[in-house]
PDB file of all heavy atoms in Angstrom:
ATOM      1  N   ALA A   1     -81.992 102.143-129.169  1.00  0.00           N
ATOM      2  CA  ALA A   1     -80.969 102.319-128.130  1.00  0.00           C
ATOM      3  C   ALA A   1     -81.492 101.965-126.719  1.00  0.00           C
ATOM      4  O   ALA A   1     -82.706 101.977-126.481  1.00  0.00           O
ATOM      5  CB  ALA A   1     -80.514 103.814-128.183  1.00  0.00           C
ATOM      6  N   ALA A   2     -80.563 101.707-125.838  1.00  0.00           N
ATOM      7  CA  ALA A   2     -80.923 101.374-124.481  1.00  0.00           C
ATOM      8  C   ALA A   2     -81.376 102.618-123.710  1.00  0.00           C
ATOM      9  O   ALA A   2     -80.843 103.725-123.920  1.00  0.00           O
ATOM     10  CB  ALA A   2     -79.751 100.774-123.772  1.00  0.00           C
ATOM     11  N   SER A   3     -82.368 102.394-122.836  1.00  0.00           N
ATOM     12  CA  SER A   3     -82.833 103.437-121.919  1.00  0.00           C
ATOM     13  C   SER A   3     -81.797 103.442-120.745  1.00  0.00           C
ATOM     14  O   SER A   3     -80.915 102.626-120.641  1.00  0.00           O
ATOM     15  CB  SER A   3     -84.183 103.146-121.345  1.00  0.00           C
ATOM     16  OG  SER A   3     -85.085 103.143-122.426  1.00  0.00           O
ATOM     17  N   ALA A   4     -81.900 104.445-119.858  1.00  0.00           N
ATOM     18  CA  ALA A   4     -80.979 104.602-118.737  1.00  0.00           C
ATOM     19  C   ALA A   4     -80.950 103.328-117.901  1.00  0.00           C
ATOM     20  O   ALA A   4     -79.914 102.993-117.348  1.00  0.00           O
ATOM     21  CB  ALA A   4     -81.404 105.806-117.912  1.00  0.00           C
ATOM     22  N   ASP A   5     -82.091 102.622-117.714  1.00  0.00           N
ATOM     23  CA  ASP A   5     -82.049 101.401-116.890  1.00  0.00           C
ATOM     24  C   ASP A   5     -81.632 100.124-117.700  1.00  0.00           C
ATOM     25  O   ASP A   5     -81.745  99.087-117.147  1.00  0.00           O
ATOM     26  CB  ASP A   5     -83.413 101.209-116.263  1.00  0.00           C
ATOM     27  CG  ASP A   5     -84.571 100.923-117.311  1.00  0.00           C
ATOM     28  OD1 ASP A   5     -84.302 100.962-118.527  1.00  0.00           O
ATOM     29  OD2 ASP A   5     -85.702 100.720-116.883  1.00  0.00           O
ATOM     30  N   GLY A   6     -81.237 100.322-118.952  1.00  0.00           N
ATOM     31  CA  GLY A   6     -80.818  99.186-119.735  1.00  0.00           C
ATOM     32  C   GLY A   6     -81.884  98.588-120.575  1.00  0.00           C
ATOM     33  O   GLY A   6     -81.582  97.667-121.387  1.00  0.00           O
ATOM     34  N   SER A   7     -83.150  98.934-120.363  1.00  0.00           N
ATOM     35  CA  SER A   7     -84.291  98.397-121.183  1.00  0.00           C
ATOM     36  C   SER A   7     -84.102  98.812-122.619  1.00  0.00           C
ATOM     37  O   SER A   7     -83.533  99.828-122.981  1.00  0.00           O
ATOM     38  CB  SER A   7     -85.638  98.837-120.593  1.00  0.00           C
ATOM     39  OG  SER A   7     -85.713 100.222-120.632  1.00  0.00           O
ATOM     40  N   ARG A   8     -84.676  97.893-123.479  1.00  0.00           N
ATOM     41  CA  ARG A   8     -84.638  98.191-124.900  1.00  0.00           C
ATOM     42  C   ARG A   8     -85.899  97.625-125.539  1.00  0.00           C
ATOM     43  O   ARG A   8     -86.593  96.795-124.991  1.00  0.00           O
ATOM     44  CB  ARG A   8     -83.518  97.429-125.609  1.00  0.00           C
ATOM     45  CG  ARG A   8     -82.173  97.961-125.375  1.00  0.00           C
ATOM     46  CD  ARG A   8     -81.129  97.135-126.162  1.00  0.00           C
ATOM     47  NE  ARG A   8     -79.781  97.581-125.854  1.00  0.00           N
ATOM     48  CZ  ARG A   8     -79.095  98.419-126.595  1.00  0.00           C
ATOM     49  NH1 ARG A   8     -79.566  98.885-127.679  1.00  0.00           N
ATOM     50  NH2 ARG A   8     -77.839  98.799-126.237  1.00  0.00           N
ATOM     51  N   THR A   9     -86.251  98.180-126.654  1.00  0.00           N
ATOM     52  CA  THR A   9     -87.417  97.790-127.498  1.00  0.00           C
ATOM     53  C   THR A   9     -87.051  97.510-128.931  1.00  0.00           C
ATOM     54  O   THR A   9     -86.142  98.205-129.420  1.00  0.00           O
ATOM     55  CB  THR A   9     -88.522  98.892-127.373  1.00  0.00           C
ATOM     56  OG1 THR A   9     -88.890  99.109-126.073  1.00  0.00           O
ATOM     57  CG2 THR A   9     -89.773  98.466-128.192  1.00  0.00           C
ATOM     58  N   ALA A  10     -87.658  96.519-129.545  1.00  0.00           N
ATOM     59  CA  ALA A  10     -87.434  96.207-130.947  1.00  0.00           C
ATOM     60  C   ALA A  10     -88.704  96.004-131.652  1.00  0.00           C
ATOM     61  O   ALA A  10     -89.728  95.538-131.058  1.00  0.00           O
ATOM     62  CB  ALA A  10     -86.597  94.913-131.058  1.00  0.00           C
ATOM     63  N   ASP A  11     -88.753  96.460-132.884  1.00  0.00           N
ATOM     64  CA  ASP A  11     -89.874  96.131-133.829  1.00  0.00           C
ATOM     65  C   ASP A  11     -89.549  94.734-134.321  1.00  0.00           C
ATOM     66  O   ASP A  11     -88.361  94.372-134.553  1.00  0.00           O
ATOM     67  CB  ASP A  11     -89.963  97.110-134.947  1.00  0.00           C
ATOM     68  CG  ASP A  11     -90.453  98.480-134.499  1.00  0.00           C
ATOM     69  OD1 ASP A  11     -91.231  98.546-133.524  1.00  0.00           O
ATOM     70  OD2 ASP A  11     -90.102  99.437-135.095  1.00  0.00           O
ATOM     71  N   LEU A  12     -90.569  93.806-134.467  1.00  0.00           N
ATOM     72  CA  LEU A  12     -90.368  92.509-134.861  1.00  0.00           C
ATOM     73  C   LEU A  12     -91.248  92.272-136.064  1.00  0.00           C
ATOM     74  O   LEU A  12     -92.385  92.566-136.146  1.00  0.00           O
ATOM     75  CB  LEU A  12     -90.799  91.626-133.697  1.00  0.00           C
ATOM     76  CG  LEU A  12     -90.805  90.029-134.010  1.00  0.00           C
ATOM     77  CD1 LEU A  12     -89.458  89.541-134.277  1.00  0.00           C
ATOM     78  CD2 LEU A  12     -91.488  89.306-132.782  1.00  0.00           C
ATOM     79  N   ASP A  13     -90.628  91.567-137.069  1.00  0.00           N
ATOM     80  CA  ASP A  13     -91.296  91.196-138.262  1.00  0.00           C
ATOM     81  C   ASP A  13     -90.881  89.780-138.648  1.00  0.00           C
ATOM     82  O   ASP A  13     -89.688  89.536-138.865  1.00  0.00           O
ATOM     83  CB  ASP A  13     -91.029  92.179-139.459  1.00  0.00           C
ATOM     84  CG  ASP A  13     -91.873  91.905-140.690  1.00  0.00           C
ATOM     85  OD1 ASP A  13     -93.153  91.814-140.559  1.00  0.00           O
ATOM     86  OD2 ASP A  13     -91.207  91.718-141.739  1.00  0.00           O
ATOM     87  N   VAL A  14     -91.822  88.846-138.773  1.00  0.00           N
ATOM     88  CA  VAL A  14     -91.535  87.476-139.089  1.00  0.00           C
ATOM     89  C   VAL A  14     -92.387  87.166-140.290  1.00  0.00           C
ATOM     90  O   VAL A  14     -93.566  87.314-140.362  1.00  0.00           O
ATOM     91  CB  VAL A  14     -91.914  86.507-137.967  1.00  0.00           C
ATOM     92  CG1 VAL A  14     -91.564  85.050-138.314  1.00  0.00           C
ATOM     93  CG2 VAL A  14     -91.256  86.922-136.628  1.00  0.00           C
ATOM     94  N   ARG A  15     -91.660  86.645-141.348  1.00  0.00           N
ATOM     95  CA  ARG A  15     -92.343  86.347-142.621  1.00  0.00           C
ATOM     96  C   ARG A  15     -92.051  84.873-143.054  1.00  0.00           C
ATOM     97  O   ARG A  15     -90.972  84.404-142.877  1.00  0.00           O
ATOM     98  CB  ARG A  15     -91.914  87.243-143.770  1.00  0.00           C
ATOM     99  CG  ARG A  15     -92.276  88.699-143.571  1.00  0.00           C
ATOM    100  CD  ARG A  15     -93.775  88.981-143.779  1.00  0.00           C
ATOM    101  NE  ARG A  15     -94.058  90.308-143.293  1.00  0.00           N
ATOM    102  CZ  ARG A  15     -95.102  90.563-142.568  1.00  0.00           C
ATOM    103  NH1 ARG A  15     -95.969  89.621-142.273  1.00  0.00           N
ATOM    104  NH2 ARG A  15     -95.347  91.785-142.165  1.00  0.00           N
ATOM    105  N   VAL A  16     -93.090  84.225-143.577  1.00  0.00           N
ATOM    106  CA  VAL A  16     -92.930  82.938-144.177  1.00  0.00           C
ATOM    107  C   VAL A  16     -92.800  83.123-145.660  1.00  0.00           C
ATOM    108  O   VAL A  16     -93.810  83.585-146.300  1.00  0.00           O
ATOM    109  CB  VAL A  16     -94.072  81.967-143.794  1.00  0.00           C
ATOM    110  CG1 VAL A  16     -93.802  80.562-144.349  1.00  0.00           C
ATOM    111  CG2 VAL A  16     -94.254  81.935-142.248  1.00  0.00           C
ATOM    112  N   SER A  17     -91.596  82.883-146.150  1.00  0.00           N
ATOM    113  CA  SER A  17     -91.381  83.127-147.625  1.00  0.00           C
ATOM    114  C   SER A  17     -92.347  82.443-148.542  1.00  0.00           C
ATOM    115  O   SER A  17     -92.648  81.223-148.383  1.00  0.00           O
ATOM    116  CB  SER A  17     -89.977  82.805-148.044  1.00  0.00           C
ATOM    117  OG  SER A  17     -89.066  83.537-147.301  1.00  0.00           O
ATOM    118  N   GLY A  18     -92.910  83.181-149.478  1.00  0.00           N
ATOM    119  CA  GLY A  18     -93.799  82.571-150.526  1.00  0.00           C
ATOM    120  C   GLY A  18     -95.173  82.251-149.956  1.00  0.00           C
ATOM    121  O   GLY A  18     -95.904  81.550-150.672  1.00  0.00           O
ATOM    122  N   GLN A  19     -95.472  82.592-148.700  1.00  0.00           N
ATOM    123  CA  GLN A  19     -96.722  82.262-148.069  1.00  0.00           C
ATOM    124  C   GLN A  19     -97.416  83.540-147.547  1.00  0.00           C
ATOM    125  O   GLN A  19     -96.723  84.336-147.112  1.00  0.00           O
ATOM    126  CB  GLN A  19     -96.533  81.252-146.968  1.00  0.00           C
ATOM    127  CG  GLN A  19     -95.871  79.944-147.412  1.00  0.00           C
ATOM    128  CD  GLN A  19     -96.648  79.161-148.426  1.00  0.00           C
ATOM    129  OE1 GLN A  19     -97.878  79.124-148.416  1.00  0.00           O
ATOM    130  NE2 GLN A  19     -95.943  78.653-149.440  1.00  0.00           N
ATOM    131  N   PRO A  20     -98.722  83.503-147.525  1.00  0.00           N
ATOM    132  CA  PRO A  20     -99.458  84.705-146.898  1.00  0.00           C
ATOM    133  C   PRO A  20     -99.539  84.509-145.380  1.00  0.00           C
ATOM    134  O   PRO A  20    -100.578  84.518-144.818  1.00  0.00           O
ATOM    135  CB  PRO A  20    -100.815  84.648-147.588  1.00  0.00           C
ATOM    136  CG  PRO A  20    -100.962  83.130-147.821  1.00  0.00           C
ATOM    137  CD  PRO A  20     -99.615  82.563-148.084  1.00  0.00           C
ATOM    138  N   ALA A  21     -98.379  84.435-144.755  1.00  0.00           N
ATOM    139  CA  ALA A  21     -98.355  84.168-143.316  1.00  0.00           C
ATOM    140  C   ALA A  21     -97.183  84.927-142.662  1.00  0.00           C
ATOM    141  O   ALA A  21     -96.100  85.049-143.282  1.00  0.00           O
ATOM    142  CB  ALA A  21     -98.234  82.641-143.050  1.00  0.00           C
ATOM    143  N   GLY A  22     -97.342  85.323-141.431  1.00  0.00           N
ATOM    144  CA  GLY A  22     -96.326  85.912-140.650  1.00  0.00           C
ATOM    145  C   GLY A  22     -96.806  86.516-139.433  1.00  0.00           C
ATOM    146  O   GLY A  22     -97.931  86.231-138.949  1.00  0.00           O
ATOM    147  N   MET A  23     -95.939  87.266-138.763  1.00  0.00           N
ATOM    148  CA  MET A  23     -96.211  87.976-137.499  1.00  0.00           C
ATOM    149  C   MET A  23     -95.517  89.305-137.429  1.00  0.00           C
ATOM    150  O   MET A  23     -94.346  89.393-137.812  1.00  0.00           O
ATOM    151  CB  MET A  23     -95.723  87.060-136.315  1.00  0.00           C
ATOM    152  CG  MET A  23     -96.063  87.689-134.950  1.00  0.00           C
ATOM    153  SD  MET A  23     -95.678  86.640-133.557  1.00  0.00           S
ATOM    154  CE  MET A  23     -93.869  86.711-133.519  1.00  0.00           C
ATOM    155  N   THR A  24     -96.215  90.278-136.973  1.00  0.00           N
ATOM    156  CA  THR A  24     -95.609  91.613-136.718  1.00  0.00           C
ATOM    157  C   THR A  24     -95.893  91.937-135.272  1.00  0.00           C
ATOM    158  O   THR A  24     -96.935  91.604-134.701  1.00  0.00           O
ATOM    159  CB  THR A  24     -96.186  92.738-137.608  1.00  0.00           C
ATOM    160  OG1 THR A  24     -97.580  92.740-137.449  1.00  0.00           O
ATOM    161  CG2 THR A  24     -95.797  92.488-139.077  1.00  0.00           C
ATOM    162  N   GLY A  25     -94.926  92.558-134.651  1.00  0.00           N
ATOM    163  CA  GLY A  25     -95.090  92.875-133.231  1.00  0.00           C
ATOM    164  C   GLY A  25     -93.872  93.640-132.711  1.00  0.00           C
ATOM    165  O   GLY A  25     -93.236  94.400-133.404  1.00  0.00           O
ATOM    166  N   ASP A  26     -93.598  93.379-131.410  1.00  0.00           N
ATOM    167  CA  ASP A  26     -92.448  94.007-130.812  1.00  0.00           C
ATOM    168  C   ASP A  26     -91.892  93.083-129.680  1.00  0.00           C
ATOM    169  O   ASP A  26     -92.462  92.076-129.310  1.00  0.00           O
ATOM    170  CB  ASP A  26     -92.873  95.315-130.171  1.00  0.00           C
ATOM    171  CG  ASP A  26     -94.079  95.286-129.313  1.00  0.00           C
ATOM    172  OD1 ASP A  26     -94.255  94.348-128.552  1.00  0.00           O
ATOM    173  OD2 ASP A  26     -94.960  96.191-129.430  1.00  0.00           O
ATOM    174  N   MET A  27     -90.659  93.514-129.247  1.00  0.00           N
ATOM    175  CA  MET A  27     -89.904  92.840-128.230  1.00  0.00           C
ATOM    176  C   MET A  27     -89.511  93.872-127.198  1.00  0.00           C
ATOM    177  O   MET A  27     -89.134  94.974-127.623  1.00  0.00           O
ATOM    178  CB  MET A  27     -88.766  92.072-128.802  1.00  0.00           C
ATOM    179  CG  MET A  27     -89.136  91.044-129.827  1.00  0.00           C
ATOM    180  SD  MET A  27     -87.723  90.465-130.791  1.00  0.00           S
ATOM    181  CE  MET A  27     -87.254  89.129-129.660  1.00  0.00           C
ATOM    182  N   HIS A  28     -89.457  93.481-125.961  1.00  0.00           N
ATOM    183  CA  HIS A  28     -88.990  94.383-124.906  1.00  0.00           C
ATOM    184  C   HIS A  28     -88.070  93.650-123.934  1.00  0.00           C
ATOM    185  O   HIS A  28     -88.433  92.614-123.421  1.00  0.00           O
ATOM    186  CB  HIS A  28     -90.187  94.911-124.085  1.00  0.00           C
ATOM    187  CG  HIS A  28     -91.170  95.718-124.859  1.00  0.00           C
ATOM    188  ND1 HIS A  28     -91.043  97.007-125.162  1.00  0.00           N
ATOM    189  CD2 HIS A  28     -92.302  95.237-125.585  1.00  0.00           C
ATOM    190  CE1 HIS A  28     -92.039  97.386-125.945  1.00  0.00           C
ATOM    191  NE2 HIS A  28     -92.797  96.357-126.249  1.00  0.00           N
ATOM    192  N   LEU A  29     -86.922  94.270-123.645  1.00  0.00           N
ATOM    193  CA  LEU A  29     -86.060  93.794-122.623  1.00  0.00           C
ATOM    194  C   LEU A  29     -86.203  94.747-121.437  1.00  0.00           C
ATOM    195  O   LEU A  29     -86.117  95.938-121.589  1.00  0.00           O
ATOM    196  CB  LEU A  29     -84.597  93.832-123.044  1.00  0.00           C
ATOM    197  CG  LEU A  29     -84.151  92.819-124.078  1.00  0.00           C
ATOM    198  CD1 LEU A  29     -82.655  93.048-124.399  1.00  0.00           C
ATOM    199  CD2 LEU A  29     -84.425  91.411-123.625  1.00  0.00           C
ATOM    200  N   SER A  30     -86.528  94.156-120.224  1.00  0.00           N
ATOM    201  CA  SER A  30     -86.797  95.069-119.076  1.00  0.00           C
ATOM    202  C   SER A  30     -86.033  94.507-117.895  1.00  0.00           C
ATOM    203  O   SER A  30     -86.126  93.329-117.570  1.00  0.00           O
ATOM    204  CB  SER A  30     -88.292  95.208-118.778  1.00  0.00           C
ATOM    205  OG  SER A  30     -88.960  95.625-119.925  1.00  0.00           O
ATOM    206  N   PRO A  31     -85.421  95.355-117.088  1.00  0.00           N
ATOM    207  CA  PRO A  31     -84.772  94.915-115.853  1.00  0.00           C
ATOM    208  C   PRO A  31     -85.865  94.484-114.842  1.00  0.00           C
ATOM    209  O   PRO A  31     -86.861  95.227-114.700  1.00  0.00           O
ATOM    210  CB  PRO A  31     -83.971  96.050-115.456  1.00  0.00           C
ATOM    211  CG  PRO A  31     -84.571  97.302-115.985  1.00  0.00           C
ATOM    212  CD  PRO A  31     -85.237  96.806-117.299  1.00  0.00           C
ATOM    213  N   VAL A  32     -85.666  93.442-114.130  1.00  0.00           N
ATOM    214  CA  VAL A  32     -86.470  93.047-113.000  1.00  0.00           C
ATOM    215  C   VAL A  32     -85.501  92.637-111.870  1.00  0.00           C
ATOM    216  O   VAL A  32     -84.352  92.387-112.148  1.00  0.00           O
ATOM    217  CB  VAL A  32     -87.406  91.904-113.361  1.00  0.00           C
ATOM    218  CG1 VAL A  32     -88.491  92.345-114.364  1.00  0.00           C
ATOM    219  CG2 VAL A  32     -86.695  90.705-113.839  1.00  0.00           C
ATOM    220  N   PRO A  33     -85.969  92.610-110.594  1.00  0.00           N
ATOM    221  CA  PRO A  33     -85.041  92.177-109.561  1.00  0.00           C
ATOM    222  C   PRO A  33     -84.386  90.790-109.912  1.00  0.00           C
ATOM    223  O   PRO A  33     -85.106  89.852-110.216  1.00  0.00           O
ATOM    224  CB  PRO A  33     -85.917  92.074-108.291  1.00  0.00           C
ATOM    225  CG  PRO A  33     -87.020  93.013-108.635  1.00  0.00           C
ATOM    226  CD  PRO A  33     -87.303  92.931-110.075  1.00  0.00           C
ATOM    227  N   GLY A  34     -83.117  90.820-109.954  1.00  0.00           N
ATOM    228  CA  GLY A  34     -82.404  89.575-110.190  1.00  0.00           C
ATOM    229  C   GLY A  34     -82.140  89.221-111.672  1.00  0.00           C
ATOM    230  O   GLY A  34     -81.635  88.131-112.043  1.00  0.00           O
ATOM    231  N   GLY A  35     -82.652  90.050-112.569  1.00  0.00           N
ATOM    232  CA  GLY A  35     -82.445  89.752-113.976  1.00  0.00           C
ATOM    233  C   GLY A  35     -83.128  90.598-114.981  1.00  0.00           C
ATOM    234  O   GLY A  35     -83.315  91.796-114.807  1.00  0.00           O
ATOM    235  N   THR A  36     -83.646  89.957-116.032  1.00  0.00           N
ATOM    236  CA  THR A  36     -84.262  90.566-117.154  1.00  0.00           C
ATOM    237  C   THR A  36     -85.490  89.806-117.617  1.00  0.00           C
ATOM    238  O   THR A  36     -85.465  88.602-117.632  1.00  0.00           O
ATOM    239  CB  THR A  36     -83.287  90.679-118.303  1.00  0.00           C
ATOM    240  OG1 THR A  36     -82.113  91.440-117.854  1.00  0.00           O
ATOM    241  CG2 THR A  36     -83.867  91.407-119.522  1.00  0.00           C
ATOM    242  N   THR A  37     -86.533  90.509-118.053  1.00  0.00           N
ATOM    243  CA  THR A  37     -87.616  89.855-118.775  1.00  0.00           C
ATOM    244  C   THR A  37     -87.466  90.210-120.267  1.00  0.00           C
ATOM    245  O   THR A  37     -87.069  91.341-120.586  1.00  0.00           O
ATOM    246  CB  THR A  37     -88.994  90.229-118.286  1.00  0.00           C
ATOM    247  OG1 THR A  37     -89.202  91.597-118.481  1.00  0.00           O
ATOM    248  CG2 THR A  37     -89.250  89.886-116.848  1.00  0.00           C
ATOM    249  N   HIS A  38     -87.813  89.261-121.098  1.00  0.00           N
ATOM    250  CA  HIS A  38     -87.772  89.469-122.544  1.00  0.00           C
ATOM    251  C   HIS A  38     -89.144  89.172-123.035  1.00  0.00           C
ATOM    252  O   HIS A  38     -89.600  87.944-123.157  1.00  0.00           O
ATOM    253  CB  HIS A  38     -86.773  88.570-123.149  1.00  0.00           C
ATOM    254  CG  HIS A  38     -86.633  88.641-124.631  1.00  0.00           C
ATOM    255  ND1 HIS A  38     -85.845  87.769-125.343  1.00  0.00           N
ATOM    256  CD2 HIS A  38     -87.123  89.484-125.547  1.00  0.00           C
ATOM    257  CE1 HIS A  38     -85.927  88.088-126.682  1.00  0.00           C
ATOM    258  NE2 HIS A  38     -86.680  89.172-126.792  1.00  0.00           N
ATOM    259  N   LEU A  39     -89.950  90.175-123.268  1.00  0.00           N
ATOM    260  CA  LEU A  39     -91.365  90.074-123.704  1.00  0.00           C
ATOM    261  C   LEU A  39     -91.420  90.073-125.248  1.00  0.00           C
ATOM    262  O   LEU A  39     -90.867  90.975-125.878  1.00  0.00           O
ATOM    263  CB  LEU A  39     -92.189  91.217-123.135  1.00  0.00           C
ATOM    264  CG  LEU A  39     -93.621  91.294-123.677  1.00  0.00           C
ATOM    265  CD1 LEU A  39     -94.479  90.084-123.109  1.00  0.00           C
ATOM    266  CD2 LEU A  39     -94.234  92.626-123.193  1.00  0.00           C
ATOM    267  N   VAL A  40     -92.052  89.044-125.820  1.00  0.00           N
ATOM    268  CA  VAL A  40     -92.283  88.970-127.252  1.00  0.00           C
ATOM    269  C   VAL A  40     -93.774  88.990-127.459  1.00  0.00           C
ATOM    270  O   VAL A  40     -94.525  88.173-126.940  1.00  0.00           O
ATOM    271  CB  VAL A  40     -91.683  87.689-127.857  1.00  0.00           C
ATOM    272  CG1 VAL A  40     -91.920  87.620-129.335  1.00  0.00           C
ATOM    273  CG2 VAL A  40     -90.197  87.563-127.563  1.00  0.00           C
ATOM    274  N   ARG A  41     -94.284  90.048-128.280  1.00  0.00           N
ATOM    275  CA  ARG A  41     -95.672  90.144-128.547  1.00  0.00           C
ATOM    276  C   ARG A  41     -95.839  90.311-130.059  1.00  0.00           C
ATOM    277  O   ARG A  41     -95.009  90.962-130.720  1.00  0.00           O
ATOM    278  CB  ARG A  41     -96.267  91.429-127.904  1.00  0.00           C
ATOM    279  CG  ARG A  41     -96.404  91.395-126.505  1.00  0.00           C
ATOM    280  CD  ARG A  41     -97.207  92.639-125.978  1.00  0.00           C
ATOM    281  NE  ARG A  41     -96.466  93.885-126.365  1.00  0.00           N
ATOM    282  CZ  ARG A  41     -96.456  94.922-125.723  1.00  0.00           C
ATOM    283  NH1 ARG A  41     -97.169  95.023-124.642  1.00  0.00           N
ATOM    284  NH2 ARG A  41     -95.893  96.062-126.183  1.00  0.00           N
ATOM    285  N   GLY A  42     -96.873  89.732-130.607  1.00  0.00           N
ATOM    286  CA  GLY A  42     -97.130  89.939-132.039  1.00  0.00           C
ATOM    287  C   GLY A  42     -98.524  89.455-132.458  1.00  0.00           C
ATOM    288  O   GLY A  42     -99.238  88.863-131.661  1.00  0.00           O
ATOM    289  N   ASP A  43     -98.878  89.844-133.662  1.00  0.00           N
ATOM    290  CA  ASP A  43    -100.135  89.479-134.239  1.00  0.00           C
ATOM    291  C   ASP A  43     -99.780  88.508-135.383  1.00  0.00           C
ATOM    292  O   ASP A  43     -99.087  88.868-136.317  1.00  0.00           O
ATOM    293  CB  ASP A  43    -100.840  90.730-134.889  1.00  0.00           C
ATOM    294  CG  ASP A  43    -101.276  91.600-133.795  1.00  0.00           C
ATOM    295  OD1 ASP A  43    -101.676  91.123-132.749  1.00  0.00           O
ATOM    296  OD2 ASP A  43    -101.335  92.893-134.011  1.00  0.00           O
ATOM    297  N   VAL A  44    -100.291  87.255-135.205  1.00  0.00           N
ATOM    298  CA  VAL A  44     -99.990  86.223-136.196  1.00  0.00           C
ATOM    299  C   VAL A  44    -101.156  86.302-137.240  1.00  0.00           C
ATOM    300  O   VAL A  44    -102.337  86.354-136.876  1.00  0.00           O
ATOM    301  CB  VAL A  44    -100.034  84.836-135.554  1.00  0.00           C
ATOM    302  CG1 VAL A  44     -99.871  83.715-136.571  1.00  0.00           C
ATOM    303  CG2 VAL A  44     -98.928  84.823-134.445  1.00  0.00           C
ATOM    304  N   ARG A  45    -100.781  86.345-138.529  1.00  0.00           N
ATOM    305  CA  ARG A  45    -101.744  86.386-139.556  1.00  0.00           C
ATOM    306  C   ARG A  45    -101.460  85.373-140.632  1.00  0.00           C
ATOM    307  O   ARG A  45    -100.335  85.164-141.078  1.00  0.00           O
ATOM    308  CB  ARG A  45    -101.664  87.812-140.213  1.00  0.00           C
ATOM    309  CG  ARG A  45    -102.295  88.901-139.451  1.00  0.00           C
ATOM    310  CD  ARG A  45    -102.455  90.129-140.310  1.00  0.00           C
ATOM    311  NE  ARG A  45    -103.250  91.119-139.659  1.00  0.00           N
ATOM    312  CZ  ARG A  45    -102.708  92.050-138.787  1.00  0.00           C
ATOM    313  NH1 ARG A  45    -101.510  91.992-138.586  1.00  0.00           N
ATOM    314  NH2 ARG A  45    -103.516  92.972-138.241  1.00  0.00           N
ATOM    315  N   VAL A  46    -102.543  84.686-141.066  1.00  0.00           N
ATOM    316  CA  VAL A  46    -102.512  83.844-142.252  1.00  0.00           C
ATOM    317  C   VAL A  46    -103.645  84.281-143.108  1.00  0.00           C
ATOM    318  O   VAL A  46    -104.832  84.069-142.730  1.00  0.00           O
ATOM    319  CB  VAL A  46    -102.669  82.329-141.896  1.00  0.00           C
ATOM    320  CG1 VAL A  46    -102.695  81.474-143.075  1.00  0.00           C
ATOM    321  CG2 VAL A  46    -101.542  81.932-140.948  1.00  0.00           C
ATOM    322  N   THR A  47    -103.350  84.928-144.170  1.00  0.00           N
ATOM    323  CA  THR A  47    -104.421  85.548-145.055  1.00  0.00           C
ATOM    324  C   THR A  47    -104.857  84.683-146.184  1.00  0.00           C
ATOM    325  O   THR A  47    -104.878  85.065-147.294  1.00  0.00           O
ATOM    326  CB  THR A  47    -103.866  86.903-145.574  1.00  0.00           C
ATOM    327  OG1 THR A  47    -102.703  86.691-146.348  1.00  0.00           O
ATOM    328  CG2 THR A  47    -103.637  87.918-144.458  1.00  0.00           C
TER     329      THR A  47
END
């Protein structure tokens, strides 16, 4: 859900089907003067 200032957070999971590879992390929408930042962070793994 959105916070009072409109910011939001998401859990992120990216998988490559049939492969031992992917990324887990999070995403953040945050208000900034004049707009929004969309931060994408994750740990990339190839096992």
